[in-house]
Structures are given as C-alpha cells and as structure tokens.
Amino acid sequence: AQAEKLARSLDDMPGLEEIPLIVLVDDSAFAAAKLNNFLWVTFTRSNP
C-alpha cells in the first residue's frame, strides 16, 4: 500500500522522465553515499 501510494503521488508529476529508477530504503543518506552502498542495499534487500 505504501509503495502504490508513492507511485500514485508521482503519477502526473512533471520532470520525472529523467529519473528512471527510484529505490525505497531505510536510510537514504547511507544508500546514496557511495555506489557500493547503493548496490548492496538495493540488490540484497529486494525480491523482484
């Protein structure tokens, strides 16, 4: 429900064409701090 709520809120928002990937995380500062953090968080904590 939370993910779908977020998706709906972004549905008609202009300017998202250049942001093809959004990742929901517990700590965005950590996940964005360096590439290895992004890779570890995104791909070890999700089931497609």
ModelCIF file with pLDDT and N, C-alpha, C, O atoms, coordinates in Angstrom:
data_MODEL
#
_entry.id   MODEL 
#
_entity.id                         1 
_entity.type                       polymer 
_entity.pdbx_number_of_molecules   1 
#
_entity_poly.entity_id                      1 
_entity_poly.type                           'polypeptide(L)' 
_entity_poly.nstd_linkage                   no 
_entity_poly.nstd_monomer                   no 
_entity_poly.pdbx_seq_one_letter_code       AQAEKLARSLDDMPGLEEIPLIVLVDDSAFAAAKLNNFLWVTFTRSNP 
_entity_poly.pdbx_seq_one_letter_code_can   AQAEKLARSLDDMPGLEEIPLIVLVDDSAFAAAKLNNFLWVTFTRSNP 
_entity_poly.pdbx_strand_id                 A 
#
loop_
_entity_poly_seq.entity_id 
_entity_poly_seq.num 
_entity_poly_seq.mon_id 
_entity_poly_seq.hetero 
1 1  ALA n 
1 2  GLN n 
1 3  ALA n 
1 4  GLU n 
1 5  LYS n 
1 6  LEU n 
1 7  ALA n 
1 8  ARG n 
1 9  SER n 
1 10 LEU n 
1 11 ASP n 
1 12 ASP n 
1 13 MET n 
1 14 PRO n 
1 15 GLY n 
1 16 LEU n 
1 17 GLU n 
1 18 GLU n 
1 19 ILE n 
1 20 PRO n 
1 21 LEU n 
1 22 ILE n 
1 23 VAL n 
1 24 LEU n 
1 25 VAL n 
1 26 ASP n 
1 27 ASP n 
1 28 SER n 
1 29 ALA n 
1 30 PHE n 
1 31 ALA n 
1 32 ALA n 
1 33 ALA n 
1 34 LYS n 
1 35 LEU n 
1 36 ASN n 
1 37 ASN n 
1 38 PHE n 
1 39 LEU n 
1 40 TRP n 
1 41 VAL n 
1 42 THR n 
1 43 PHE n 
1 44 THR n 
1 45 ARG n 
1 46 SER n 
1 47 ASN n 
1 48 PRO n 
#
_struct_asym.id          A 
_struct_asym.entity_id   1 
#
loop_
_ma_qa_metric.id 
_ma_qa_metric.mode 
_ma_qa_metric.name 
_ma_qa_metric.software_group_id 
_ma_qa_metric.type 
1 global pLDDT . pLDDT 
2 local  pLDDT . pLDDT 
#
_ma_qa_metric_global.metric_id      1 
_ma_qa_metric_global.metric_value   95.73 
_ma_qa_metric_global.model_id       1 
_ma_qa_metric_global.ordinal_id     1 
#
loop_
_ma_qa_metric_local.label_asym_id 
_ma_qa_metric_local.label_comp_id 
_ma_qa_metric_local.label_seq_id 
_ma_qa_metric_local.metric_id 
_ma_qa_metric_local.metric_value 
_ma_qa_metric_local.model_id 
_ma_qa_metric_local.ordinal_id 
A ALA 1  2 95.00 1 1  
A GLN 2  2 95.00 1 2  
A ALA 3  2 95.00 1 3  
A GLU 4  2 94.00 1 4  
A LYS 5  2 94.00 1 5  
A LEU 6  2 95.00 1 6  
A ALA 7  2 94.00 1 7  
A ARG 8  2 94.00 1 8  
A SER 9  2 94.00 1 9  
A LEU 10 2 95.00 1 10 
A ASP 11 2 91.00 1 11 
A ASP 12 2 86.00 1 12 
A MET 13 2 90.00 1 13 
A PRO 14 2 89.00 1 14 
A GLY 15 2 88.00 1 15 
A LEU 16 2 94.00 1 16 
A GLU 17 2 94.00 1 17 
A GLU 18 2 96.00 1 18 
A ILE 19 2 97.00 1 19 
A PRO 20 2 98.00 1 20 
A LEU 21 2 98.00 1 21 
A ILE 22 2 98.00 1 22 
A VAL 23 2 98.00 1 23 
A LEU 24 2 98.00 1 24 
A VAL 25 2 98.00 1 25 
A ASP 26 2 97.00 1 26 
A ASP 27 2 98.00 1 27 
A SER 28 2 97.00 1 28 
A ALA 29 2 98.00 1 29 
A PHE 30 2 97.00 1 30 
A ALA 31 2 98.00 1 31 
A ALA 32 2 98.00 1 32 
A ALA 33 2 97.00 1 33 
A LYS 34 2 97.00 1 34 
A LEU 35 2 97.00 1 35 
A ASN 36 2 97.00 1 36 
A ASN 37 2 97.00 1 37 
A PHE 38 2 98.00 1 38 
A LEU 39 2 98.00 1 39 
A TRP 40 2 97.00 1 40 
A VAL 41 2 97.00 1 41 
A THR 42 2 98.00 1 42 
A PHE 43 2 97.00 1 43 
A THR 44 2 96.00 1 44 
A ARG 45 2 97.00 1 45 
A SER 46 2 97.00 1 46 
A ASN 47 2 97.00 1 47 
A PRO 48 2 97.00 1 48 
#
loop_
_atom_site.group_PDB 
_atom_site.id 
_atom_site.type_symbol 
_atom_site.label_atom_id 
_atom_site.label_alt_id 
_atom_site.label_comp_id 
_atom_site.label_asym_id 
_atom_site.label_entity_id 
_atom_site.label_seq_id 
_atom_site.pdbx_PDB_ins_code 
_atom_site.Cartn_x 
_atom_site.Cartn_y 
_atom_site.Cartn_z 
_atom_site.occupancy 
_atom_site.B_iso_or_equiv 
_atom_site.pdbx_formal_charge 
_atom_site.auth_seq_id 
_atom_site.auth_comp_id 
_atom_site.auth_asym_id 
_atom_site.auth_atom_id 
_atom_site.pdbx_PDB_model_num 
ATOM 1   N N  . ALA A 1 1  ? 0.833  -1.205 0.000   1.00 95.00 ? 1  ALA A N  1 
ATOM 2   C CA . ALA A 1 1  ? 0.000  0.000  0.000   1.00 95.00 ? 1  ALA A CA 1 
ATOM 3   C C  . ALA A 1 1  ? 0.869  1.257  0.000   1.00 95.00 ? 1  ALA A C  1 
ATOM 4   O O  . ALA A 1 1  ? 0.550  2.234  -0.678  1.00 95.00 ? 1  ALA A O  1 
ATOM 5   N N  . GLN A 1 2  ? 1.959  1.233  0.755   1.00 95.00 ? 2  GLN A N  1 
ATOM 6   C CA . GLN A 1 2  ? 2.850  2.397  0.803   1.00 95.00 ? 2  GLN A CA 1 
ATOM 7   C C  . GLN A 1 2  ? 3.513  2.647  -0.554  1.00 95.00 ? 2  GLN A C  1 
ATOM 8   O O  . GLN A 1 2  ? 3.574  3.786  -1.017  1.00 95.00 ? 2  GLN A O  1 
ATOM 9   N N  . ALA A 1 3  ? 4.011  1.573  -1.192  1.00 95.00 ? 3  ALA A N  1 
ATOM 10  C CA . ALA A 1 3  ? 4.671  1.736  -2.482  1.00 95.00 ? 3  ALA A CA 1 
ATOM 11  C C  . ALA A 1 3  ? 3.691  2.215  -3.543  1.00 95.00 ? 3  ALA A C  1 
ATOM 12  O O  . ALA A 1 3  ? 4.037  3.058  -4.372  1.00 95.00 ? 3  ALA A O  1 
ATOM 13  N N  . GLU A 1 4  ? 2.481  1.690  -3.525  1.00 94.00 ? 4  GLU A N  1 
ATOM 14  C CA . GLU A 1 4  ? 1.484  2.113  -4.502  1.00 94.00 ? 4  GLU A CA 1 
ATOM 15  C C  . GLU A 1 4  ? 1.029  3.547  -4.238  1.00 94.00 ? 4  GLU A C  1 
ATOM 16  O O  . GLU A 1 4  ? 0.724  4.288  -5.173  1.00 94.00 ? 4  GLU A O  1 
ATOM 17  N N  . LYS A 1 5  ? 0.986  3.935  -2.966  1.00 94.00 ? 5  LYS A N  1 
ATOM 18  C CA . LYS A 1 5  ? 0.660  5.320  -2.621  1.00 94.00 ? 5  LYS A CA 1 
ATOM 19  C C  . LYS A 1 5  ? 1.709  6.262  -3.179  1.00 94.00 ? 5  LYS A C  1 
ATOM 20  O O  . LYS A 1 5  ? 1.381  7.310  -3.735  1.00 94.00 ? 5  LYS A O  1 
ATOM 21  N N  . LEU A 1 6  ? 2.980  5.885  -3.030  1.00 95.00 ? 6  LEU A N  1 
ATOM 22  C CA . LEU A 1 6  ? 4.055  6.707  -3.579  1.00 95.00 ? 6  LEU A CA 1 
ATOM 23  C C  . LEU A 1 6  ? 3.930  6.797  -5.096  1.00 95.00 ? 6  LEU A C  1 
ATOM 24  O O  . LEU A 1 6  ? 4.058  7.881  -5.666  1.00 95.00 ? 6  LEU A O  1 
ATOM 25  N N  . ALA A 1 7  ? 3.679  5.664  -5.754  1.00 94.00 ? 7  ALA A N  1 
ATOM 26  C CA . ALA A 1 7  ? 3.571  5.651  -7.210  1.00 94.00 ? 7  ALA A CA 1 
ATOM 27  C C  . ALA A 1 7  ? 2.438  6.548  -7.685  1.00 94.00 ? 7  ALA A C  1 
ATOM 28  O O  . ALA A 1 7  ? 2.583  7.266  -8.674  1.00 94.00 ? 7  ALA A O  1 
ATOM 29  N N  . ARG A 1 8  ? 1.315  6.509  -6.984  1.00 94.00 ? 8  ARG A N  1 
ATOM 30  C CA . ARG A 1 8  ? 0.182  7.361  -7.375  1.00 94.00 ? 8  ARG A CA 1 
ATOM 31  C C  . ARG A 1 8  ? 0.522  8.836  -7.210  1.00 94.00 ? 8  ARG A C  1 
ATOM 32  O O  . ARG A 1 8  ? 0.133  9.669  -8.029  1.00 94.00 ? 8  ARG A O  1 
ATOM 33  N N  . SER A 1 9  ? 1.244  9.148  -6.155  1.00 94.00 ? 9  SER A N  1 
ATOM 34  C CA . SER A 1 9  ? 1.582  10.560 -5.916  1.00 94.00 ? 9  SER A CA 1 
ATOM 35  C C  . SER A 1 9  ? 2.523  11.108 -6.993  1.00 94.00 ? 9  SER A C  1 
ATOM 36  O O  . SER A 1 9  ? 2.575  12.316 -7.225  1.00 94.00 ? 9  SER A O  1 
ATOM 37  N N  . LEU A 1 10 ? 3.259  10.217 -7.642  1.00 95.00 ? 10 LEU A N  1 
ATOM 38  C CA . LEU A 1 10 ? 4.203  10.639 -8.683  1.00 95.00 ? 10 LEU A CA 1 
ATOM 39  C C  . LEU A 1 10 ? 3.598  10.517 -10.082 1.00 95.00 ? 10 LEU A C  1 
ATOM 40  O O  . LEU A 1 10 ? 4.245  10.854 -11.074 1.00 95.00 ? 10 LEU A O  1 
ATOM 41  N N  . ASP A 1 11 ? 2.378  10.043 -10.157 1.00 91.00 ? 11 ASP A N  1 
ATOM 42  C CA . ASP A 1 11 ? 1.759  9.691  -11.434 1.00 91.00 ? 11 ASP A CA 1 
ATOM 43  C C  . ASP A 1 11 ? 1.783  10.822 -12.452 1.00 91.00 ? 11 ASP A C  1 
ATOM 44  O O  . ASP A 1 11 ? 2.176  10.615 -13.600 1.00 91.00 ? 11 ASP A O  1 
ATOM 45  N N  . ASP A 1 12 ? 1.371  12.005 -12.046 1.00 86.00 ? 12 ASP A N  1 
ATOM 46  C CA . ASP A 1 12 ? 1.281  13.110 -13.004 1.00 86.00 ? 12 ASP A CA 1 
ATOM 47  C C  . ASP A 1 12 ? 2.273  14.224 -12.693 1.00 86.00 ? 12 ASP A C  1 
ATOM 48  O O  . ASP A 1 12 ? 2.098  15.361 -13.132 1.00 86.00 ? 12 ASP A O  1 
ATOM 49  N N  . MET A 1 13 ? 3.318  13.892 -11.933 1.00 90.00 ? 13 MET A N  1 
ATOM 50  C CA . MET A 1 13 ? 4.305  14.906 -11.565 1.00 90.00 ? 13 MET A CA 1 
ATOM 51  C C  . MET A 1 13 ? 5.227  15.177 -12.749 1.00 90.00 ? 13 MET A C  1 
ATOM 52  O O  . MET A 1 13 ? 5.822  14.237 -13.276 1.00 90.00 ? 13 MET A O  1 
ATOM 53  N N  . PRO A 1 14 ? 5.365  16.424 -13.184 1.00 89.00 ? 14 PRO A N  1 
ATOM 54  C CA . PRO A 1 14 ? 6.254  16.725 -14.308 1.00 89.00 ? 14 PRO A CA 1 
ATOM 55  C C  . PRO A 1 14 ? 7.728  16.594 -13.908 1.00 89.00 ? 14 PRO A C  1 
ATOM 56  O O  . PRO A 1 14 ? 8.096  16.774 -12.747 1.00 89.00 ? 14 PRO A O  1 
ATOM 57  N N  . GLY A 1 15 ? 8.555  16.276 -14.904 1.00 88.00 ? 15 GLY A N  1 
ATOM 58  C CA . GLY A 1 15 ? 10.002 16.274 -14.680 1.00 88.00 ? 15 GLY A CA 1 
ATOM 59  C C  . GLY A 1 15 ? 10.583 14.950 -14.251 1.00 88.00 ? 15 GLY A C  1 
ATOM 60  O O  . GLY A 1 15 ? 11.783 14.867 -13.992 1.00 88.00 ? 15 GLY A O  1 
ATOM 61  N N  . LEU A 1 16 ? 9.752  13.882 -14.165 1.00 94.00 ? 16 LEU A N  1 
ATOM 62  C CA . LEU A 1 16 ? 10.276 12.588 -13.733 1.00 94.00 ? 16 LEU A CA 1 
ATOM 63  C C  . LEU A 1 16 ? 10.859 11.763 -14.870 1.00 94.00 ? 16 LEU A C  1 
ATOM 64  O O  . LEU A 1 16 ? 11.398 10.681 -14.639 1.00 94.00 ? 16 LEU A O  1 
ATOM 65  N N  . GLU A 1 17 ? 10.758 12.261 -16.087 1.00 94.00 ? 17 GLU A N  1 
ATOM 66  C CA . GLU A 1 17 ? 11.254 11.494 -17.228 1.00 94.00 ? 17 GLU A CA 1 
ATOM 67  C C  . GLU A 1 17 ? 12.746 11.184 -17.102 1.00 94.00 ? 17 GLU A C  1 
ATOM 68  O O  . GLU A 1 17 ? 13.229 10.181 -17.628 1.00 94.00 ? 17 GLU A O  1 
ATOM 69  N N  . GLU A 1 18 ? 13.460 12.049 -16.406 1.00 96.00 ? 18 GLU A N  1 
ATOM 70  C CA . GLU A 1 18 ? 14.908 11.869 -16.291 1.00 96.00 ? 18 GLU A CA 1 
ATOM 71  C C  . GLU A 1 18 ? 15.311 11.151 -14.999 1.00 96.00 ? 18 GLU A C  1 
ATOM 72  O O  . GLU A 1 18 ? 16.491 11.108 -14.650 1.00 96.00 ? 18 GLU A O  1 
ATOM 73  N N  . ILE A 1 19 ? 14.314 10.585 -14.288 1.00 97.00 ? 19 ILE A N  1 
ATOM 74  C CA . ILE A 1 19 ? 14.582 9.785  -13.082 1.00 97.00 ? 19 ILE A CA 1 
ATOM 75  C C  . ILE A 1 19 ? 13.947 8.411  -13.305 1.00 97.00 ? 19 ILE A C  1 
ATOM 76  O O  . ILE A 1 19 ? 12.842 8.159  -12.824 1.00 97.00 ? 19 ILE A O  1 
ATOM 77  N N  . PRO A 1 20 ? 14.626 7.533  -14.018 1.00 98.00 ? 20 PRO A N  1 
ATOM 78  C CA . PRO A 1 20 ? 14.002 6.242  -14.350 1.00 98.00 ? 20 PRO A CA 1 
ATOM 79  C C  . PRO A 1 20 ? 13.971 5.240  -13.198 1.00 98.00 ? 20 PRO A C  1 
ATOM 80  O O  . PRO A 1 20 ? 13.222 4.264  -13.256 1.00 98.00 ? 20 PRO A O  1 
ATOM 81  N N  . LEU A 1 21 ? 14.777 5.464  -12.147 1.00 98.00 ? 21 LEU A N  1 
ATOM 82  C CA . LEU A 1 21 ? 14.841 4.475  -11.064 1.00 98.00 ? 21 LEU A CA 1 
ATOM 83  C C  . LEU A 1 21 ? 14.710 5.151  -9.709  1.00 98.00 ? 21 LEU A C  1 
ATOM 84  O O  . LEU A 1 21 ? 15.439 6.091  -9.392  1.00 98.00 ? 21 LEU A O  1 
ATOM 85  N N  . ILE A 1 22 ? 13.760 4.651  -8.910  1.00 98.00 ? 22 ILE A N  1 
ATOM 86  C CA . ILE A 1 22 ? 13.561 5.099  -7.538  1.00 98.00 ? 22 ILE A CA 1 
ATOM 87  C C  . ILE A 1 22 ? 13.707 3.877  -6.624  1.00 98.00 ? 22 ILE A C  1 
ATOM 88  O O  . ILE A 1 22 ? 13.138 2.822  -6.907  1.00 98.00 ? 22 ILE A O  1 
ATOM 89  N N  . VAL A 1 23 ? 14.458 4.012  -5.546  1.00 98.00 ? 23 VAL A N  1 
ATOM 90  C CA . VAL A 1 23 ? 14.648 2.914  -4.603  1.00 98.00 ? 23 VAL A CA 1 
ATOM 91  C C  . VAL A 1 23 ? 14.197 3.369  -3.225  1.00 98.00 ? 23 VAL A C  1 
ATOM 92  O O  . VAL A 1 23 ? 14.651 4.397  -2.723  1.00 98.00 ? 23 VAL A O  1 
ATOM 93  N N  . LEU A 1 24 ? 13.306 2.601  -2.620  1.00 98.00 ? 24 LEU A N  1 
ATOM 94  C CA . LEU A 1 24 ? 12.832 2.885  -1.264  1.00 98.00 ? 24 LEU A CA 1 
ATOM 95  C C  . LEU A 1 24 ? 13.778 2.221  -0.274  1.00 98.00 ? 24 LEU A C  1 
ATOM 96  O O  . LEU A 1 24 ? 14.025 1.018  -0.361  1.00 98.00 ? 24 LEU A O  1 
ATOM 97  N N  . VAL A 1 25 ? 14.304 2.990  0.658   1.00 98.00 ? 25 VAL A N  1 
ATOM 98  C CA . VAL A 1 25 ? 15.324 2.488  1.581   1.00 98.00 ? 25 VAL A CA 1 
ATOM 99  C C  . VAL A 1 25 ? 15.020 2.954  3.002   1.00 98.00 ? 25 VAL A C  1 
ATOM 100 O O  . VAL A 1 25 ? 14.173 3.821  3.218   1.00 98.00 ? 25 VAL A O  1 
ATOM 101 N N  . ASP A 1 26 ? 15.725 2.364  3.963   1.00 97.00 ? 26 ASP A N  1 
ATOM 102 C CA . ASP A 1 26 ? 15.588 2.774  5.359   1.00 97.00 ? 26 ASP A CA 1 
ATOM 103 C C  . ASP A 1 26 ? 16.426 4.002  5.676   1.00 97.00 ? 26 ASP A C  1 
ATOM 104 O O  . ASP A 1 26 ? 16.088 4.782  6.567   1.00 97.00 ? 26 ASP A O  1 
ATOM 105 N N  . ASP A 1 27 ? 17.520 4.170  4.945   1.00 98.00 ? 27 ASP A N  1 
ATOM 106 C CA . ASP A 1 27 ? 18.455 5.268  5.213   1.00 98.00 ? 27 ASP A CA 1 
ATOM 107 C C  . ASP A 1 27 ? 18.984 5.771  3.873   1.00 98.00 ? 27 ASP A C  1 
ATOM 108 O O  . ASP A 1 27 ? 19.932 5.210  3.324   1.00 98.00 ? 27 ASP A O  1 
ATOM 109 N N  . SER A 1 28 ? 18.374 6.821  3.354   1.00 97.00 ? 28 SER A N  1 
ATOM 110 C CA . SER A 1 28 ? 18.749 7.294  2.019   1.00 97.00 ? 28 SER A CA 1 
ATOM 111 C C  . SER A 1 28 ? 20.143 7.913  2.004   1.00 97.00 ? 28 SER A C  1 
ATOM 112 O O  . SER A 1 28 ? 20.830 7.842  0.984   1.00 97.00 ? 28 SER A O  1 
ATOM 113 N N  . ALA A 1 29 ? 20.576 8.518  3.110   1.00 98.00 ? 29 ALA A N  1 
ATOM 114 C CA . ALA A 1 29 ? 21.921 9.098  3.149   1.00 98.00 ? 29 ALA A CA 1 
ATOM 115 C C  . ALA A 1 29 ? 22.966 7.997  2.994   1.00 98.00 ? 29 ALA A C  1 
ATOM 116 O O  . ALA A 1 29 ? 23.945 8.165  2.267   1.00 98.00 ? 29 ALA A O  1 
ATOM 117 N N  . PHE A 1 30 ? 22.760 6.874  3.674   1.00 97.00 ? 30 PHE A N  1 
ATOM 118 C CA . PHE A 1 30 ? 23.688 5.752  3.554   1.00 97.00 ? 30 PHE A CA 1 
ATOM 119 C C  . PHE A 1 30 ? 23.653 5.159  2.148   1.00 97.00 ? 30 PHE A C  1 
ATOM 120 O O  . PHE A 1 30 ? 24.702 4.930  1.547   1.00 97.00 ? 30 PHE A O  1 
ATOM 121 N N  . ALA A 1 31 ? 22.459 4.911  1.622   1.00 98.00 ? 31 ALA A N  1 
ATOM 122 C CA . ALA A 1 31 ? 22.338 4.253  0.319   1.00 98.00 ? 31 ALA A CA 1 
ATOM 123 C C  . ALA A 1 31 ? 22.932 5.092  -0.808  1.00 98.00 ? 31 ALA A C  1 
ATOM 124 O O  . ALA A 1 31 ? 23.437 4.550  -1.792  1.00 98.00 ? 31 ALA A O  1 
ATOM 125 N N  . ALA A 1 32 ? 22.869 6.418  -0.661  1.00 98.00 ? 32 ALA A N  1 
ATOM 126 C CA . ALA A 1 32 ? 23.342 7.306  -1.716  1.00 98.00 ? 32 ALA A CA 1 
ATOM 127 C C  . ALA A 1 32 ? 24.788 7.751  -1.524  1.00 98.00 ? 32 ALA A C  1 
ATOM 128 O O  . ALA A 1 32 ? 25.355 8.406  -2.399  1.00 98.00 ? 32 ALA A O  1 
ATOM 129 N N  . ALA A 1 33 ? 25.385 7.402  -0.393  1.00 97.00 ? 33 ALA A N  1 
ATOM 130 C CA . ALA A 1 33 ? 26.713 7.928  -0.065  1.00 97.00 ? 33 ALA A CA 1 
ATOM 131 C C  . ALA A 1 33 ? 27.780 7.458  -1.040  1.00 97.00 ? 33 ALA A C  1 
ATOM 132 O O  . ALA A 1 33 ? 28.684 8.223  -1.376  1.00 97.00 ? 33 ALA A O  1 
ATOM 133 N N  . LYS A 1 34 ? 27.694 6.222  -1.500  1.00 97.00 ? 34 LYS A N  1 
ATOM 134 C CA . LYS A 1 34 ? 28.653 5.713  -2.480  1.00 97.00 ? 34 LYS A CA 1 
ATOM 135 C C  . LYS A 1 34 ? 28.009 4.571  -3.248  1.00 97.00 ? 34 LYS A C  1 
ATOM 136 O O  . LYS A 1 34 ? 27.038 3.964  -2.795  1.00 97.00 ? 34 LYS A O  1 
ATOM 137 N N  . LEU A 1 35 ? 28.563 4.293  -4.412  1.00 97.00 ? 35 LEU A N  1 
ATOM 138 C CA . LEU A 1 35 ? 27.969 3.296  -5.298  1.00 97.00 ? 35 LEU A CA 1 
ATOM 139 C C  . LEU A 1 35 ? 27.850 1.938  -4.619  1.00 97.00 ? 35 LEU A C  1 
ATOM 140 O O  . LEU A 1 35 ? 26.825 1.272  -4.764  1.00 97.00 ? 35 LEU A O  1 
ATOM 141 N N  . ASN A 1 36 ? 28.872 1.511  -3.883  1.00 97.00 ? 36 ASN A N  1 
ATOM 142 C CA . ASN A 1 36 ? 28.820 0.195  -3.242  1.00 97.00 ? 36 ASN A CA 1 
ATOM 143 C C  . ASN A 1 36 ? 27.677 0.084  -2.249  1.00 97.00 ? 36 ASN A C  1 
ATOM 144 O O  . ASN A 1 36 ? 27.090 -0.988 -2.102  1.00 97.00 ? 36 ASN A O  1 
ATOM 145 N N  . ASN A 1 37 ? 27.351 1.181  -1.562  1.00 97.00 ? 37 ASN A N  1 
ATOM 146 C CA . ASN A 1 37 ? 26.204 1.156  -0.646  1.00 97.00 ? 37 ASN A CA 1 
ATOM 147 C C  . ASN A 1 37 ? 24.911 0.950  -1.423  1.00 97.00 ? 37 ASN A C  1 
ATOM 148 O O  . ASN A 1 37 ? 24.063 0.149  -1.027  1.00 97.00 ? 37 ASN A O  1 
ATOM 149 N N  . PHE A 1 38 ? 24.760 1.674  -2.532  1.00 98.00 ? 38 PHE A N  1 
ATOM 150 C CA . PHE A 1 38 ? 23.565 1.508  -3.372  1.00 98.00 ? 38 PHE A CA 1 
ATOM 151 C C  . PHE A 1 38 ? 23.431 0.064  -3.844  1.00 98.00 ? 38 PHE A C  1 
ATOM 152 O O  . PHE A 1 38 ? 22.350 -0.520 -3.768  1.00 98.00 ? 38 PHE A O  1 
ATOM 153 N N  . LEU A 1 39 ? 24.521 -0.507 -4.327  1.00 98.00 ? 39 LEU A N  1 
ATOM 154 C CA . LEU A 1 39 ? 24.476 -1.869 -4.856  1.00 98.00 ? 39 LEU A CA 1 
ATOM 155 C C  . LEU A 1 39 ? 24.112 -2.865 -3.759  1.00 98.00 ? 39 LEU A C  1 
ATOM 156 O O  . LEU A 1 39 ? 23.288 -3.754 -3.974  1.00 98.00 ? 39 LEU A O  1 
ATOM 157 N N  . TRP A 1 40 ? 24.719 -2.720 -2.596  1.00 97.00 ? 40 TRP A N  1 
ATOM 158 C CA . TRP A 1 40 ? 24.468 -3.656 -1.503  1.00 97.00 ? 40 TRP A CA 1 
ATOM 159 C C  . TRP A 1 40 ? 23.030 -3.571 -1.017  1.00 97.00 ? 40 TRP A C  1 
ATOM 160 O O  . TRP A 1 40 ? 22.359 -4.593 -0.875  1.00 97.00 ? 40 TRP A O  1 
ATOM 161 N N  . VAL A 1 41 ? 22.555 -2.356 -0.761  1.00 97.00 ? 41 VAL A N  1 
ATOM 162 C CA . VAL A 1 41 ? 21.201 -2.178 -0.229  1.00 97.00 ? 41 VAL A CA 1 
ATOM 163 C C  . VAL A 1 41 ? 20.153 -2.614 -1.250  1.00 97.00 ? 41 VAL A C  1 
ATOM 164 O O  . VAL A 1 41 ? 19.242 -3.373 -0.920  1.00 97.00 ? 41 VAL A O  1 
ATOM 165 N N  . THR A 1 42 ? 20.279 -2.139 -2.479  1.00 98.00 ? 42 THR A N  1 
ATOM 166 C CA . THR A 1 42 ? 19.228 -2.355 -3.476  1.00 98.00 ? 42 THR A CA 1 
ATOM 167 C C  . THR A 1 42 ? 19.067 -3.824 -3.841  1.00 98.00 ? 42 THR A C  1 
ATOM 168 O O  . THR A 1 42 ? 17.942 -4.313 -3.943  1.00 98.00 ? 42 THR A O  1 
ATOM 169 N N  . PHE A 1 43 ? 20.170 -4.530 -4.038  1.00 97.00 ? 43 PHE A N  1 
ATOM 170 C CA . PHE A 1 43 ? 20.072 -5.858 -4.629  1.00 97.00 ? 43 PHE A CA 1 
ATOM 171 C C  . PHE A 1 43 ? 20.121 -6.991 -3.613  1.00 97.00 ? 43 PHE A C  1 
ATOM 172 O O  . PHE A 1 43 ? 19.796 -8.127 -3.957  1.00 97.00 ? 43 PHE A O  1 
ATOM 173 N N  . THR A 1 44 ? 20.515 -6.718 -2.376  1.00 96.00 ? 44 THR A N  1 
ATOM 174 C CA . THR A 1 44 ? 20.447 -7.774 -1.359  1.00 96.00 ? 44 THR A CA 1 
ATOM 175 C C  . THR A 1 44 ? 19.154 -7.692 -0.556  1.00 96.00 ? 44 THR A C  1 
ATOM 176 O O  . THR A 1 44 ? 18.826 -8.637 0.163   1.00 96.00 ? 44 THR A O  1 
ATOM 177 N N  . ARG A 1 45 ? 18.417 -6.601 -0.655  1.00 97.00 ? 45 ARG A N  1 
ATOM 178 C CA . ARG A 1 45 ? 17.225 -6.424 0.183   1.00 97.00 ? 45 ARG A CA 1 
ATOM 179 C C  . ARG A 1 45 ? 15.927 -6.406 -0.613  1.00 97.00 ? 45 ARG A C  1 
ATOM 180 O O  . ARG A 1 45 ? 14.903 -5.939 -0.115  1.00 97.00 ? 45 ARG A O  1 
ATOM 181 N N  . SER A 1 46 ? 15.957 -6.907 -1.836  1.00 97.00 ? 46 SER A N  1 
ATOM 182 C CA . SER A 1 46 ? 14.730 -6.896 -2.628  1.00 97.00 ? 46 SER A CA 1 
ATOM 183 C C  . SER A 1 46 ? 14.556 -8.211 -3.363  1.00 97.00 ? 46 SER A C  1 
ATOM 184 O O  . SER A 1 46 ? 15.521 -8.845 -3.791  1.00 97.00 ? 46 SER A O  1 
ATOM 185 N N  . ASN A 1 47 ? 13.301 -8.602 -3.497  1.00 97.00 ? 47 ASN A N  1 
ATOM 186 C CA . ASN A 1 47 ? 12.875 -9.795 -4.223  1.00 97.00 ? 47 ASN A CA 1 
ATOM 187 C C  . ASN A 1 47 ? 12.064 -9.295 -5.415  1.00 97.00 ? 47 ASN A C  1 
ATOM 188 O O  . ASN A 1 47 ? 10.972 -8.764 -5.209  1.00 97.00 ? 47 ASN A O  1 
ATOM 189 N N  . PRO A 1 48 ? 12.545 -9.439 -6.653  1.00 97.00 ? 48 PRO A N  1 
ATOM 190 C CA . PRO A 1 48 ? 11.899 -8.773 -7.796  1.00 97.00 ? 48 PRO A CA 1 
ATOM 191 C C  . PRO A 1 48 ? 10.389 -8.939 -7.872  1.00 97.00 ? 48 PRO A C  1 
ATOM 192 O O  . PRO A 1 48 ? 9.756  -8.419 -8.792  1.00 97.00 ? 48 PRO A O  1 
#
